[in-house]
Each structure stands twice: as structure tokens, then as C-alpha cells.
Amino acid sequence: MNINPFDILKNAQKIQEQMNGFQEKLGAISSTGAAGGGLVEIDINGKLELLAVRISPVAMEDAEMLQDLIMAAFTDGMTKVKELIGSEAAAMTGMNIPGFPGLQ
């Protein structure tokens, strides 16, 4: 996709309004990452803030396994929320922005 810089300048206010709206939506976007068949679940929002961690008592029996499950659940949650952010950004802007989280 070719982007004309003059079009961006002409539409700067509209783009700024879209970005402000997008930032507001980030808090409402959330996803749950899970590992170990749900033994560990982590909720993350679109601002990449950790909202909640749920750990099954079964997972607490093995500290090393628990550490691995937390890392895996966090990675899963981050991947999912970045995809949601990317989808929302693409829908709002109609553009695929390289380097933006979740966009390719």
C-alpha cells in the first residue's frame, strides 16, 4: 500500500481523533492467556496491563512447573491481546501499520 504523506497531513486532525479514540478503547480490550489446560490463566488488557492471575491449587504442587505455566500463560495472553489491538487498529484506520503491536 502506498501512503501519500500529503494525504496524511490533510487528514492529521482526523487521524489524531482516531488515535485518541483508539487509546480509550485499549482499556476495554482484554484477553485471557492460559497454560496447562487452564491450570494457570492470566488476564491482560489492551494497555498491556496485567489484570488478574488465576492458579489452580494443583499447579502449586510443583514450583518449577508453576513458573513455566505462568510464563506460558502470559505469553499466550500477550499474543492474543496484541492480535486484538492490531485488528482494532486496522479497523479504525483502514491501514496496516508496520511495527504496531499485533500488526504485520
PDB file of N, CA and C in Angstrom:
ATOM      1  N   MET A   1       0.843  -1.169   0.000  1.00  0.00           N
ATOM      2  CA  MET A   1       0.000   0.000   0.000  1.00  0.00           C
ATOM      3  C   MET A   1       0.888   1.231   0.000  1.00  0.00           C
ATOM      4  N   ASN A   2       0.659   2.126  -0.935  1.00  0.00           N
ATOM      5  CA  ASN A   2       1.392   3.389  -0.976  1.00  0.00           C
ATOM      6  C   ASN A   2       0.632   4.428  -0.165  1.00  0.00           C
ATOM      7  N   ILE A   3       1.348   5.096   0.725  1.00  0.00           N
ATOM      8  CA  ILE A   3       0.749   6.137   1.553  1.00  0.00           C
ATOM      9  C   ILE A   3       1.310   7.470   1.106  1.00  0.00           C
ATOM     10  N   ASN A   4       0.423   8.367   0.714  1.00  0.00           N
ATOM     11  CA  ASN A   4       0.818   9.696   0.291  1.00  0.00           C
ATOM     12  C   ASN A   4       0.960  10.579   1.532  1.00  0.00           C
ATOM     13  N   PRO A   5       2.154  11.117   1.816  1.00  0.00           N
ATOM     14  CA  PRO A   5       2.334  11.939   3.019  1.00  0.00           C
ATOM     15  C   PRO A   5       1.455  13.183   3.023  1.00  0.00           C
ATOM     16  N   PHE A   6       1.110  13.711   1.865  1.00  0.00           N
ATOM     17  CA  PHE A   6       0.248  14.888   1.806  1.00  0.00           C
ATOM     18  C   PHE A   6      -1.178  14.554   2.241  1.00  0.00           C
ATOM     19  N   ASP A   7      -1.631  13.340   1.926  1.00  0.00           N
ATOM     20  CA  ASP A   7      -2.944  12.906   2.398  1.00  0.00           C
ATOM     21  C   ASP A   7      -2.948  12.794   3.916  1.00  0.00           C
ATOM     22  N   ILE A   8      -1.857  12.307   4.473  1.00  0.00           N
ATOM     23  CA  ILE A   8      -1.760  12.189   5.934  1.00  0.00           C
ATOM     24  C   ILE A   8      -1.824  13.572   6.567  1.00  0.00           C
ATOM     25  N   LEU A   9      -1.106  14.535   6.013  1.00  0.00           N
ATOM     26  CA  LEU A   9      -1.128  15.891   6.560  1.00  0.00           C
ATOM     27  C   LEU A   9      -2.519  16.510   6.472  1.00  0.00           C
ATOM     28  N   LYS A  10      -3.211  16.289   5.359  1.00  0.00           N
ATOM     29  CA  LYS A  10      -4.548  16.839   5.191  1.00  0.00           C
ATOM     30  C   LYS A  10      -5.520  16.233   6.202  1.00  0.00           C
ATOM     31  N   ASN A  11      -5.261  15.006   6.538  1.00  0.00           N
ATOM     32  CA  ASN A  11      -6.170  14.293   7.437  1.00  0.00           C
ATOM     33  C   ASN A  11      -5.612  14.166   8.849  1.00  0.00           C
ATOM     34  N   ALA A  12      -4.658  15.009   9.215  1.00  0.00           N
ATOM     35  CA  ALA A  12      -3.988  14.889  10.519  1.00  0.00           C
ATOM     36  C   ALA A  12      -4.975  14.975  11.684  1.00  0.00           C
ATOM     37  N   GLN A  13      -5.914  15.888  11.620  1.00  0.00           N
ATOM     38  CA  GLN A  13      -6.875  16.024  12.713  1.00  0.00           C
ATOM     39  C   GLN A  13      -7.727  14.766  12.840  1.00  0.00           C
ATOM     40  N   LYS A  14      -8.186  14.256  11.708  1.00  0.00           N
ATOM     41  CA  LYS A  14      -9.000  13.034  11.733  1.00  0.00           C
ATOM     42  C   LYS A  14      -8.188  11.869  12.301  1.00  0.00           C
ATOM     43  N   ILE A  15      -6.951  11.769  11.895  1.00  0.00           N
ATOM     44  CA  ILE A  15      -6.083  10.697  12.385  1.00  0.00           C
ATOM     45  C   ILE A  15      -5.870  10.851  13.895  1.00  0.00           C
ATOM     46  N   GLN A  16      -5.650  12.082  14.355  1.00  0.00           N
ATOM     47  CA  GLN A  16      -5.462  12.332  15.791  1.00  0.00           C
ATOM     48  C   GLN A  16      -6.706  11.931  16.580  1.00  0.00           C
ATOM     49  N   GLU A  17      -7.879  12.265  16.067  1.00  0.00           N
ATOM     50  CA  GLU A  17      -9.125  11.886  16.730  1.00  0.00           C
ATOM     51  C   GLU A  17      -9.273  10.366  16.784  1.00  0.00           C
ATOM     52  N   GLN A  18      -8.917   9.704  15.688  1.00  0.00           N
ATOM     53  CA  GLN A  18      -8.992   8.246  15.660  1.00  0.00           C
ATOM     54  C   GLN A  18      -8.034   7.638  16.686  1.00  0.00           C
ATOM     55  N   MET A  19      -6.834   8.178  16.775  1.00  0.00           N
ATOM     56  CA  MET A  19      -5.851   7.645  17.714  1.00  0.00           C
ATOM     57  C   MET A  19      -6.284   7.882  19.162  1.00  0.00           C
ATOM     58  N   ASN A  20      -6.883   9.039  19.439  1.00  0.00           N
ATOM     59  CA  ASN A  20      -7.392   9.301  20.785  1.00  0.00           C
ATOM     60  C   ASN A  20      -8.501   8.310  21.135  1.00  0.00           C
ATOM     61  N   GLY A  21      -9.387   8.069  20.194  1.00  0.00           N
ATOM     62  CA  GLY A  21     -10.442   7.082  20.409  1.00  0.00           C
ATOM     63  C   GLY A  21      -9.881   5.692  20.597  1.00  0.00           C
ATOM     64  N   PHE A  22      -8.839   5.394  19.841  1.00  0.00           N
ATOM     65  CA  PHE A  22      -8.208   4.080  19.941  1.00  0.00           C
ATOM     66  C   PHE A  22      -7.575   3.889  21.312  1.00  0.00           C
ATOM     67  N   GLN A  23      -6.909   4.914  21.821  1.00  0.00           N
ATOM     68  CA  GLN A  23      -6.284   4.819  23.136  1.00  0.00           C
ATOM     69  C   GLN A  23      -7.326   4.575  24.219  1.00  0.00           C
ATOM     70  N   GLU A  24      -8.482   5.201  24.076  1.00  0.00           N
ATOM     71  CA  GLU A  24      -9.560   4.974  25.038  1.00  0.00           C
ATOM     72  C   GLU A  24     -10.051   3.534  24.983  1.00  0.00           C
ATOM     73  N   LYS A  25     -10.085   2.962  23.789  1.00  0.00           N
ATOM     74  CA  LYS A  25     -10.563   1.590  23.633  1.00  0.00           C
ATOM     75  C   LYS A  25      -9.585   0.550  24.173  1.00  0.00           C
ATOM     76  N   LEU A  26      -8.315   0.914  24.277  1.00  0.00           N
ATOM     77  CA  LEU A  26      -7.320  -0.059  24.722  1.00  0.00           C
ATOM     78  C   LEU A  26      -7.654  -0.637  26.091  1.00  0.00           C
ATOM     79  N   GLY A  27      -8.172   0.178  26.979  1.00  0.00           N
ATOM     80  CA  GLY A  27      -8.523  -0.320  28.308  1.00  0.00           C
ATOM     81  C   GLY A  27      -9.662  -1.314  28.282  1.00  0.00           C
ATOM     82  N   ALA A  28     -10.517  -1.205  27.269  1.00  0.00           N
ATOM     83  CA  ALA A  28     -11.664  -2.102  27.169  1.00  0.00           C
ATOM     84  C   ALA A  28     -11.313  -3.423  26.484  1.00  0.00           C
ATOM     85  N   ILE A  29     -10.227  -3.448  25.739  1.00  0.00           N
ATOM     86  CA  ILE A  29      -9.790  -4.670  25.077  1.00  0.00           C
ATOM     87  C   ILE A  29      -9.125  -5.559  26.124  1.00  0.00           C
ATOM     88  N   SER A  30      -9.503  -6.814  26.166  1.00  0.00           N
ATOM     89  CA  SER A  30      -8.836  -7.724  27.102  1.00  0.00           C
ATOM     90  C   SER A  30      -8.828  -9.130  26.536  1.00  0.00           C
ATOM     91  N   SER A  31      -7.920  -9.919  27.065  1.00  0.00           N
ATOM     92  CA  SER A  31      -7.791 -11.304  26.632  1.00  0.00           C
ATOM     93  C   SER A  31      -7.280 -12.137  27.790  1.00  0.00           C
ATOM     94  N   THR A  32      -7.546 -13.418  27.727  1.00  0.00           N
ATOM     95  CA  THR A  32      -7.071 -14.347  28.746  1.00  0.00           C
ATOM     96  C   THR A  32      -6.091 -15.317  28.116  1.00  0.00           C
ATOM     97  N   GLY A  33      -4.917 -15.400  28.705  1.00  0.00           N
ATOM     98  CA  GLY A  33      -3.941 -16.395  28.298  1.00  0.00           C
ATOM     99  C   GLY A  33      -4.027 -17.572  29.255  1.00  0.00           C
ATOM    100  N   ALA A  34      -3.849 -18.754  28.735  1.00  0.00           N
ATOM    101  CA  ALA A  34      -3.960 -19.949  29.573  1.00  0.00           C
ATOM    102  C   ALA A  34      -2.835 -20.918  29.265  1.00  0.00           C
ATOM    103  N   ALA A  35      -2.519 -21.729  30.258  1.00  0.00           N
ATOM    104  CA  ALA A  35      -1.495 -22.773  30.078  1.00  0.00           C
ATOM    105  C   ALA A  35      -1.859 -23.964  30.957  1.00  0.00           C
ATOM    106  N   GLY A  36      -1.345 -25.101  30.548  1.00  0.00           N
ATOM    107  CA  GLY A  36      -1.576 -26.317  31.321  1.00  0.00           C
ATOM    108  C   GLY A  36      -3.034 -26.723  31.352  1.00  0.00           C
ATOM    109  N   GLY A  37      -3.722 -26.504  30.239  1.00  0.00           N
ATOM    110  CA  GLY A  37      -5.138 -26.873  30.189  1.00  0.00           C
ATOM    111  C   GLY A  37      -5.981 -26.068  31.154  1.00  0.00           C
ATOM    112  N   GLY A  38      -5.569 -24.821  31.422  1.00  0.00           N
ATOM    113  CA  GLY A  38      -6.327 -23.953  32.308  1.00  0.00           C
ATOM    114  C   GLY A  38      -5.839 -23.960  33.748  1.00  0.00           C
ATOM    115  N   LEU A  39      -4.721 -24.636  34.012  1.00  0.00           N
ATOM    116  CA  LEU A  39      -4.179 -24.619  35.374  1.00  0.00           C
ATOM    117  C   LEU A  39      -3.742 -23.214  35.780  1.00  0.00           C
ATOM    118  N   VAL A  40      -3.286 -22.426  34.796  1.00  0.00           N
ATOM    119  CA  VAL A  40      -2.914 -21.034  35.028  1.00  0.00           C
ATOM    120  C   VAL A  40      -3.596 -20.193  33.962  1.00  0.00           C
ATOM    121  N   GLU A  41      -4.263 -19.124  34.399  1.00  0.00           N
ATOM    122  CA  GLU A  41      -4.897 -18.185  33.482  1.00  0.00           C
ATOM    123  C   GLU A  41      -4.486 -16.771  33.873  1.00  0.00           C
ATOM    124  N   ILE A  42      -4.226 -15.954  32.862  1.00  0.00           N
ATOM    125  CA  ILE A  42      -3.797 -14.573  33.075  1.00  0.00           C
ATOM    126  C   ILE A  42      -4.631 -13.666  32.176  1.00  0.00           C
ATOM    127  N   ASP A  43      -5.207 -12.615  32.776  1.00  0.00           N
ATOM    128  CA  ASP A  43      -5.978 -11.627  32.023  1.00  0.00           C
ATOM    129  C   ASP A  43      -5.106 -10.401  31.779  1.00  0.00           C
ATOM    130  N   ILE A  44      -5.098  -9.919  30.530  1.00  0.00           N
ATOM    131  CA  ILE A  44      -4.298  -8.763  30.124  1.00  0.00           C
ATOM    132  C   ILE A  44      -5.205  -7.831  29.318  1.00  0.00           C
ATOM    133  N   ASN A  45      -5.068  -6.508  29.532  1.00  0.00           N
ATOM    134  CA  ASN A  45      -5.879  -5.579  28.755  1.00  0.00           C
ATOM    135  C   ASN A  45      -5.070  -4.999  27.595  1.00  0.00           C
ATOM    136  N   GLY A  46      -5.720  -4.160  26.803  1.00  0.00           N
ATOM    137  CA  GLY A  46      -5.093  -3.579  25.619  1.00  0.00           C
ATOM    138  C   GLY A  46      -3.991  -2.589  25.934  1.00  0.00           C
ATOM    139  N   LYS A  47      -3.912  -2.137  27.171  1.00  0.00           N
ATOM    140  CA  LYS A  47      -2.810  -1.273  27.589  1.00  0.00           C
ATOM    141  C   LYS A  47      -1.616  -2.118  28.055  1.00  0.00           C
ATOM    142  N   LEU A  48      -1.716  -3.418  27.829  1.00  0.00           N
ATOM    143  CA  LEU A  48      -0.706  -4.410  28.218  1.00  0.00           C
ATOM    144  C   LEU A  48      -0.492  -4.432  29.726  1.00  0.00           C
ATOM    145  N   GLU A  49      -1.583  -4.222  30.460  1.00  0.00           N
ATOM    146  CA  GLU A  49      -1.556  -4.292  31.912  1.00  0.00           C
ATOM    147  C   GLU A  49      -2.087  -5.652  32.358  1.00  0.00           C
ATOM    148  N   LEU A  50      -1.450  -6.225  33.345  1.00  0.00           N
ATOM    149  CA  LEU A  50      -1.886  -7.491  33.918  1.00  0.00           C
ATOM    150  C   LEU A  50      -3.076  -7.214  34.819  1.00  0.00           C
ATOM    151  N   LEU A  51      -4.205  -7.859  34.551  1.00  0.00           N
ATOM    152  CA  LEU A  51      -5.431  -7.614  35.303  1.00  0.00           C
ATOM    153  C   LEU A  51      -5.682  -8.663  36.374  1.00  0.00           C
ATOM    154  N   ALA A  52      -5.377  -9.907  36.083  1.00  0.00           N
ATOM    155  CA  ALA A  52      -5.668 -10.986  37.033  1.00  0.00           C
ATOM    156  C   ALA A  52      -4.815 -12.201  36.723  1.00  0.00           C
ATOM    157  N   VAL A  53      -4.556 -12.965  37.767  1.00  0.00           N
ATOM    158  CA  VAL A  53      -3.858 -14.242  37.641  1.00  0.00           C
ATOM    159  C   VAL A  53      -4.652 -15.271  38.447  1.00  0.00           C
ATOM    160  N   ARG A  54      -4.976 -16.379  37.805  1.00  0.00           N
ATOM    161  CA  ARG A  54      -5.679 -17.466  38.481  1.00  0.00           C
ATOM    162  C   ARG A  54      -4.818 -18.717  38.385  1.00  0.00           C
ATOM    163  N   ILE A  55      -4.562 -19.327  39.533  1.00  0.00           N
ATOM    164  CA  ILE A  55      -3.710 -20.511  39.582  1.00  0.00           C
ATOM    165  C   ILE A  55      -4.463 -21.625  40.294  1.00  0.00           C
ATOM    166  N   SER A  56      -4.557 -22.750  39.636  1.00  0.00           N
ATOM    167  CA  SER A  56      -5.194 -23.914  40.230  1.00  0.00           C
ATOM    168  C   SER A  56      -4.318 -24.448  41.368  1.00  0.00           C
ATOM    169  N   PRO A  57      -4.917 -24.905  42.451  1.00  0.00           N
ATOM    170  CA  PRO A  57      -4.121 -25.493  43.536  1.00  0.00           C
ATOM    171  C   PRO A  57      -3.243 -26.658  43.068  1.00  0.00           C
ATOM    172  N   VAL A  58      -3.689 -27.364  42.051  1.00  0.00           N
ATOM    173  CA  VAL A  58      -2.906 -28.482  41.513  1.00  0.00           C
ATOM    174  C   VAL A  58      -1.564 -27.985  40.989  1.00  0.00           C
ATOM    175  N   ALA A  59      -1.561 -26.817  40.356  1.00  0.00           N
ATOM    176  CA  ALA A  59      -0.331 -26.263  39.777  1.00  0.00           C
ATOM    177  C   ALA A  59       0.660 -25.833  40.851  1.00  0.00           C
ATOM    178  N   MET A  60       0.189 -25.582  42.062  1.00  0.00           N
ATOM    179  CA  MET A  60       1.057 -25.101  43.136  1.00  0.00           C
ATOM    180  C   MET A  60       1.905 -26.206  43.761  1.00  0.00           C
ATOM    181  N   GLU A  61       1.645 -27.427  43.372  1.00  0.00           N
ATOM    182  CA  GLU A  61       2.383 -28.553  43.941  1.00  0.00           C
ATOM    183  C   GLU A  61       3.802 -28.662  43.397  1.00  0.00           C
ATOM    184  N   ASP A  62       4.061 -28.052  42.254  1.00  0.00           N
ATOM    185  CA  ASP A  62       5.382 -28.125  41.616  1.00  0.00           C
ATOM    186  C   ASP A  62       5.804 -26.713  41.207  1.00  0.00           C
ATOM    187  N   ALA A  63       6.719 -26.127  41.982  1.00  0.00           N
ATOM    188  CA  ALA A  63       7.123 -24.732  41.763  1.00  0.00           C
ATOM    189  C   ALA A  63       7.712 -24.512  40.374  1.00  0.00           C
ATOM    190  N   GLU A  64       8.549 -25.417  39.908  1.00  0.00           N
ATOM    191  CA  GLU A  64       9.174 -25.253  38.596  1.00  0.00           C
ATOM    192  C   GLU A  64       8.128 -25.301  37.484  1.00  0.00           C
ATOM    193  N   MET A  65       7.200 -26.247  37.602  1.00  0.00           N
ATOM    194  CA  MET A  65       6.128 -26.340  36.607  1.00  0.00           C
ATOM    195  C   MET A  65       5.270 -25.077  36.654  1.00  0.00           C
ATOM    196  N   LEU A  66       4.983 -24.575  37.854  1.00  0.00           N
ATOM    197  CA  LEU A  66       4.169 -23.378  38.000  1.00  0.00           C
ATOM    198  C   LEU A  66       4.821 -22.178  37.320  1.00  0.00           C
ATOM    199  N   GLN A  67       6.110 -22.038  37.484  1.00  0.00           N
ATOM    200  CA  GLN A  67       6.835 -20.946  36.828  1.00  0.00           C
ATOM    201  C   GLN A  67       6.693 -21.041  35.316  1.00  0.00           C
ATOM    202  N   ASP A  68       6.853 -22.232  34.791  1.00  0.00           N
ATOM    203  CA  ASP A  68       6.722 -22.435  33.343  1.00  0.00           C
ATOM    204  C   ASP A  68       5.292 -22.135  32.868  1.00  0.00           C
ATOM    205  N   LEU A  69       4.311 -22.558  33.648  1.00  0.00           N
ATOM    206  CA  LEU A  69       2.920 -22.319  33.274  1.00  0.00           C
ATOM    207  C   LEU A  69       2.583 -20.830  33.294  1.00  0.00           C
ATOM    208  N   ILE A  70       3.101 -20.099  34.274  1.00  0.00           N
ATOM    209  CA  ILE A  70       2.847 -18.659  34.339  1.00  0.00           C
ATOM    210  C   ILE A  70       3.448 -17.969  33.121  1.00  0.00           C
ATOM    211  N   MET A  71       4.669 -18.325  32.782  1.00  0.00           N
ATOM    212  CA  MET A  71       5.311 -17.726  31.600  1.00  0.00           C
ATOM    213  C   MET A  71       4.529 -18.059  30.335  1.00  0.00           C
ATOM    214  N   ALA A  72       4.100 -19.300  30.202  1.00  0.00           N
ATOM    215  CA  ALA A  72       3.362 -19.714  29.003  1.00  0.00           C
ATOM    216  C   ALA A  72       2.009 -19.005  28.924  1.00  0.00           C
ATOM    217  N   ALA A  73       1.317 -18.881  30.055  1.00  0.00           N
ATOM    218  CA  ALA A  73       0.022 -18.205  30.065  1.00  0.00           C
ATOM    219  C   ALA A  73       0.189 -16.720  29.741  1.00  0.00           C
ATOM    220  N   PHE A  74       1.231 -16.103  30.266  1.00  0.00           N
ATOM    221  CA  PHE A  74       1.490 -14.695  29.982  1.00  0.00           C
ATOM    222  C   PHE A  74       1.776 -14.497  28.495  1.00  0.00           C
ATOM    223  N   THR A  75       2.610 -15.344  27.930  1.00  0.00           N
ATOM    224  CA  THR A  75       2.936 -15.252  26.508  1.00  0.00           C
ATOM    225  C   THR A  75       1.683 -15.444  25.659  1.00  0.00           C
ATOM    226  N   ASP A  76       0.858 -16.401  26.023  1.00  0.00           N
ATOM    227  CA  ASP A  76      -0.384 -16.659  25.300  1.00  0.00           C
ATOM    228  C   ASP A  76      -1.303 -15.441  25.370  1.00  0.00           C
ATOM    229  N   GLY A  77      -1.442 -14.871  26.553  1.00  0.00           N
ATOM    230  CA  GLY A  77      -2.291 -13.700  26.724  1.00  0.00           C
ATOM    231  C   GLY A  77      -1.787 -12.493  25.948  1.00  0.00           C
ATOM    232  N   MET A  78      -0.480 -12.262  25.982  1.00  0.00           N
ATOM    233  CA  MET A  78       0.093 -11.132  25.244  1.00  0.00           C
ATOM    234  C   MET A  78      -0.108 -11.299  23.748  1.00  0.00           C
ATOM    235  N   THR A  79       0.083 -12.496  23.240  1.00  0.00           N
ATOM    236  CA  THR A  79      -0.117 -12.755  21.817  1.00  0.00           C
ATOM    237  C   THR A  79      -1.562 -12.455  21.418  1.00  0.00           C
ATOM    238  N   LYS A  80      -2.494 -12.942  22.229  1.00  0.00           N
ATOM    239  CA  LYS A  80      -3.911 -12.741  21.914  1.00  0.00           C
ATOM    240  C   LYS A  80      -4.298 -11.265  21.975  1.00  0.00           C
ATOM    241  N   VAL A  81      -3.851 -10.562  23.006  1.00  0.00           N
ATOM    242  CA  VAL A  81      -4.252  -9.163  23.141  1.00  0.00           C
ATOM    243  C   VAL A  81      -3.596  -8.303  22.060  1.00  0.00           C
ATOM    244  N   LYS A  82      -2.383  -8.615  21.657  1.00  0.00           N
ATOM    245  CA  LYS A  82      -1.735  -7.877  20.574  1.00  0.00           C
ATOM    246  C   LYS A  82      -2.482  -8.084  19.258  1.00  0.00           C
ATOM    247  N   GLU A  83      -2.983  -9.298  19.043  1.00  0.00           N
ATOM    248  CA  GLU A  83      -3.784  -9.553  17.844  1.00  0.00           C
ATOM    249  C   GLU A  83      -5.071  -8.734  17.873  1.00  0.00           C
ATOM    250  N   LEU A  84      -5.699  -8.647  19.047  1.00  0.00           N
ATOM    251  CA  LEU A  84      -6.918  -7.842  19.177  1.00  0.00           C
ATOM    252  C   LEU A  84      -6.632  -6.363  18.946  1.00  0.00           C
ATOM    253  N   ILE A  85      -5.519  -5.875  19.485  1.00  0.00           N
ATOM    254  CA  ILE A  85      -5.123  -4.481  19.284  1.00  0.00           C
ATOM    255  C   ILE A  85      -4.899  -4.222  17.795  1.00  0.00           C
ATOM    256  N   GLY A  86      -4.202  -5.125  17.148  1.00  0.00           N
ATOM    257  CA  GLY A  86      -3.923  -4.974  15.722  1.00  0.00           C
ATOM    258  C   GLY A  86      -5.188  -4.967  14.890  1.00  0.00           C
ATOM    259  N   SER A  87      -6.112  -5.836  15.213  1.00  0.00           N
ATOM    260  CA  SER A  87      -7.381  -5.887  14.483  1.00  0.00           C
ATOM    261  C   SER A  87      -8.171  -4.606  14.680  1.00  0.00           C
ATOM    262  N   GLU A  88      -8.188  -4.122  15.910  1.00  0.00           N
ATOM    263  CA  GLU A  88      -8.914  -2.879  16.206  1.00  0.00           C
ATOM    264  C   GLU A  88      -8.266  -1.697  15.490  1.00  0.00           C
ATOM    265  N   ALA A  89      -6.949  -1.636  15.495  1.00  0.00           N
ATOM    266  CA  ALA A  89      -6.238  -0.540  14.832  1.00  0.00           C
ATOM    267  C   ALA A  89      -6.478  -0.566  13.327  1.00  0.00           C
ATOM    268  N   ALA A  90      -6.426  -1.739  12.749  1.00  0.00           N
ATOM    269  CA  ALA A  90      -6.648  -1.855  11.310  1.00  0.00           C
ATOM    270  C   ALA A  90      -8.075  -1.469  10.947  1.00  0.00           C
ATOM    271  N   ALA A  91      -9.030  -1.844  11.789  1.00  0.00           N
ATOM    272  CA  ALA A  91     -10.426  -1.499  11.530  1.00  0.00           C
ATOM    273  C   ALA A  91     -10.648   0.010  11.632  1.00  0.00           C
ATOM    274  N   MET A  92      -9.988   0.643  12.581  1.00  0.00           N
ATOM    275  CA  MET A  92     -10.173   2.082  12.772  1.00  0.00           C
ATOM    276  C   MET A  92      -9.488   2.901  11.687  1.00  0.00           C
ATOM    277  N   THR A  93      -8.299   2.488  11.295  1.00  0.00           N
ATOM    278  CA  THR A  93      -7.520   3.299  10.359  1.00  0.00           C
ATOM    279  C   THR A  93      -7.650   2.849   8.924  1.00  0.00           C
ATOM    280  N   GLY A  94      -8.026   1.609   8.732  1.00  0.00           N
ATOM    281  CA  GLY A  94      -8.064   1.061   7.387  1.00  0.00           C
ATOM    282  C   GLY A  94      -6.675   0.817   6.837  1.00  0.00           C
ATOM    283  N   MET A  95      -5.672   0.891   7.733  1.00  0.00           N
ATOM    284  CA  MET A  95      -4.281   0.708   7.299  1.00  0.00           C
ATOM    285  C   MET A  95      -3.630  -0.389   8.125  1.00  0.00           C
ATOM    286  N   ASN A  96      -2.675  -1.024   7.507  1.00  0.00           N
ATOM    287  CA  ASN A  96      -1.830  -1.999   8.178  1.00  0.00           C
ATOM    288  C   ASN A  96      -0.534  -1.269   8.516  1.00  0.00           C
ATOM    289  N   ILE A  97      -0.311  -0.970   9.787  1.00  0.00           N
ATOM    290  CA  ILE A  97       0.808  -0.134  10.194  1.00  0.00           C
ATOM    291  C   ILE A  97       1.981  -1.017  10.635  1.00  0.00           C
ATOM    292  N   PRO A  98       3.088  -1.037   9.889  1.00  0.00           N
ATOM    293  CA  PRO A  98       4.221  -1.873  10.261  1.00  0.00           C
ATOM    294  C   PRO A  98       4.784  -1.469  11.622  1.00  0.00           C
ATOM    295  N   GLY A  99       5.118  -2.462  12.428  1.00  0.00           N
ATOM    296  CA  GLY A  99       5.715  -2.205  13.730  1.00  0.00           C
ATOM    297  C   GLY A  99       4.726  -1.923  14.826  1.00  0.00           C
ATOM    298  N   PHE A 100       3.440  -1.768  14.491  1.00  0.00           N
ATOM    299  CA  PHE A 100       2.445  -1.532  15.514  1.00  0.00           C
ATOM    300  C   PHE A 100       2.126  -2.875  16.157  1.00  0.00           C
ATOM    301  N   PRO A 101       1.993  -2.941  17.496  1.00  0.00           N
ATOM    302  CA  PRO A 101       1.746  -4.214  18.151  1.00  0.00           C
ATOM    303  C   PRO A 101       0.572  -4.961  17.540  1.00  0.00           C
ATOM    304  N   GLY A 102       0.830  -6.198  17.198  1.00  0.00           N
ATOM    305  CA  GLY A 102      -0.220  -7.038  16.650  1.00  0.00           C
ATOM    306  C   GLY A 102      -0.410  -6.912  15.157  1.00  0.00           C
ATOM    307  N   LEU A 103       0.207  -5.947  14.535  1.00  0.00           N
ATOM    308  CA  LEU A 103       0.085  -5.786  13.088  1.00  0.00           C
ATOM    309  C   LEU A 103       1.327  -6.280  12.394  1.00  0.00           C
ATOM    310  N   GLN A 104       1.153  -6.724  11.177  1.00  0.00           N
ATOM    311  CA  GLN A 104       2.312  -7.219  10.445  1.00  0.00           C
ATOM    312  C   GLN A 104       2.481  -6.436   9.173  1.00  0.00           C
TER     313      GLN A 104
END
